[in-house]
Amino acid sequence: MRCSPTSPRASEAVFDSAYSLIAAYVEEAWQQVDPERRRLLADTVVRMTISHIVAPSRNPAAAAEDIAAVAVCIAGVGGGF
């Protein structure tokens, strides 16, 4: 059964796939970060990225920098803002 790209099942599949990729990267890259913070970080990064794809408010490079800054703040590593 195929579903339209705007169906809840399709958007859930996109979110789940993106979340799995980001969560795996974060777990490997930032092992010192608390697991709950890593979960929050992955969820936030995926949601912000999808938001910028659907309704861009800045150019892609600036959006990526913003998302990275938020990720660093959530993780509590690096300088953040």
Protein backbone atom coordinates (compact mmCIF):
# COMPACT_ATOMS: atom_id res chain seq x y z
CA MET A 1 0.00 0.00 0.00
CA ARG A 2 1.38 3.38 -0.99
CA CYS A 3 0.69 6.51 0.98
CA SER A 4 0.84 10.09 -0.17
CA PRO A 5 3.89 12.13 0.93
CA THR A 6 1.62 14.25 3.11
CA SER A 7 -0.09 11.38 4.90
CA PRO A 8 0.63 10.91 8.61
CA ARG A 9 2.24 7.54 7.90
CA ALA A 10 4.65 9.05 5.37
CA SER A 11 5.64 11.93 7.63
CA GLU A 12 6.10 9.53 10.54
CA ALA A 13 8.39 7.37 8.41
CA VAL A 14 10.48 10.39 7.41
CA PHE A 15 10.73 11.56 11.02
CA ASP A 16 11.58 8.07 12.32
CA SER A 17 14.30 7.56 9.69
CA ALA A 18 15.85 10.97 10.29
CA TYR A 19 15.65 10.52 14.07
CA SER A 20 17.37 7.11 13.87
CA LEU A 21 20.23 8.52 11.79
CA ILE A 22 20.78 11.56 14.01
CA ALA A 23 20.41 9.58 17.26
CA ALA A 24 23.00 7.04 16.11
CA TYR A 25 25.45 9.79 15.15
CA VAL A 26 24.93 11.68 18.42
CA GLU A 27 25.37 8.51 20.48
CA GLU A 28 28.68 7.78 18.75
CA ALA A 29 30.01 11.35 18.61
CA TRP A 30 28.94 12.53 22.07
CA GLN A 31 29.13 9.48 24.30
CA GLN A 32 29.82 11.71 27.32
CA VAL A 33 26.40 13.37 26.94
CA ASP A 34 23.57 12.05 29.11
CA PRO A 35 21.24 9.70 27.15
CA GLU A 36 18.18 11.89 27.85
CA ARG A 37 20.00 14.95 26.47
CA ARG A 38 21.03 12.93 23.40
CA ARG A 39 17.38 11.95 22.85
CA LEU A 40 16.26 15.57 23.20
CA LEU A 41 19.06 16.74 20.90
CA ALA A 42 18.18 14.25 18.15
CA ASP A 43 14.48 15.03 18.38
CA THR A 44 15.07 18.80 18.29
CA VAL A 45 17.55 18.67 15.41
CA VAL A 46 15.21 16.54 13.30
CA ARG A 47 12.19 18.75 14.00
CA MET A 48 14.13 21.97 13.29
CA THR A 49 15.59 20.55 10.09
CA ILE A 50 12.19 19.43 8.80
CA SER A 51 10.75 22.81 9.73
CA HIS A 52 13.43 24.62 7.73
CA ILE A 53 12.82 22.32 4.75
CA VAL A 54 9.07 22.87 4.81
CA ALA A 55 9.08 26.59 5.63
CA PRO A 56 12.56 28.06 5.17
CA SER A 57 13.17 31.33 6.97
CA ARG A 58 16.88 31.65 6.20
CA ASN A 59 19.31 30.36 3.62
CA PRO A 60 20.34 26.71 4.12
CA ALA A 61 23.84 27.50 5.46
CA ALA A 62 22.50 29.94 8.06
CA ALA A 63 19.78 27.47 9.08
CA ALA A 64 22.40 24.72 9.47
CA GLU A 65 24.51 27.00 11.68
CA ASP A 66 21.47 27.79 13.84
CA ILE A 67 20.58 24.11 14.20
CA ALA A 68 24.18 23.23 15.08
CA ALA A 69 24.28 25.98 17.72
CA VAL A 70 21.11 24.64 19.32
CA ALA A 71 22.50 21.08 19.24
CA VAL A 72 25.69 22.16 21.00
CA CYS A 73 23.67 24.02 23.63
CA ILE A 74 21.45 21.01 24.33
CA ALA A 75 24.45 18.69 24.49
CA GLY A 76 26.30 21.05 26.79
CA VAL A 77 29.53 20.70 24.84
CA GLY A 78 31.58 23.36 23.09
CA GLY A 79 30.91 27.05 23.29
CA GLY A 80 27.32 27.26 22.09
CA PHE A 81 26.22 30.85 21.63
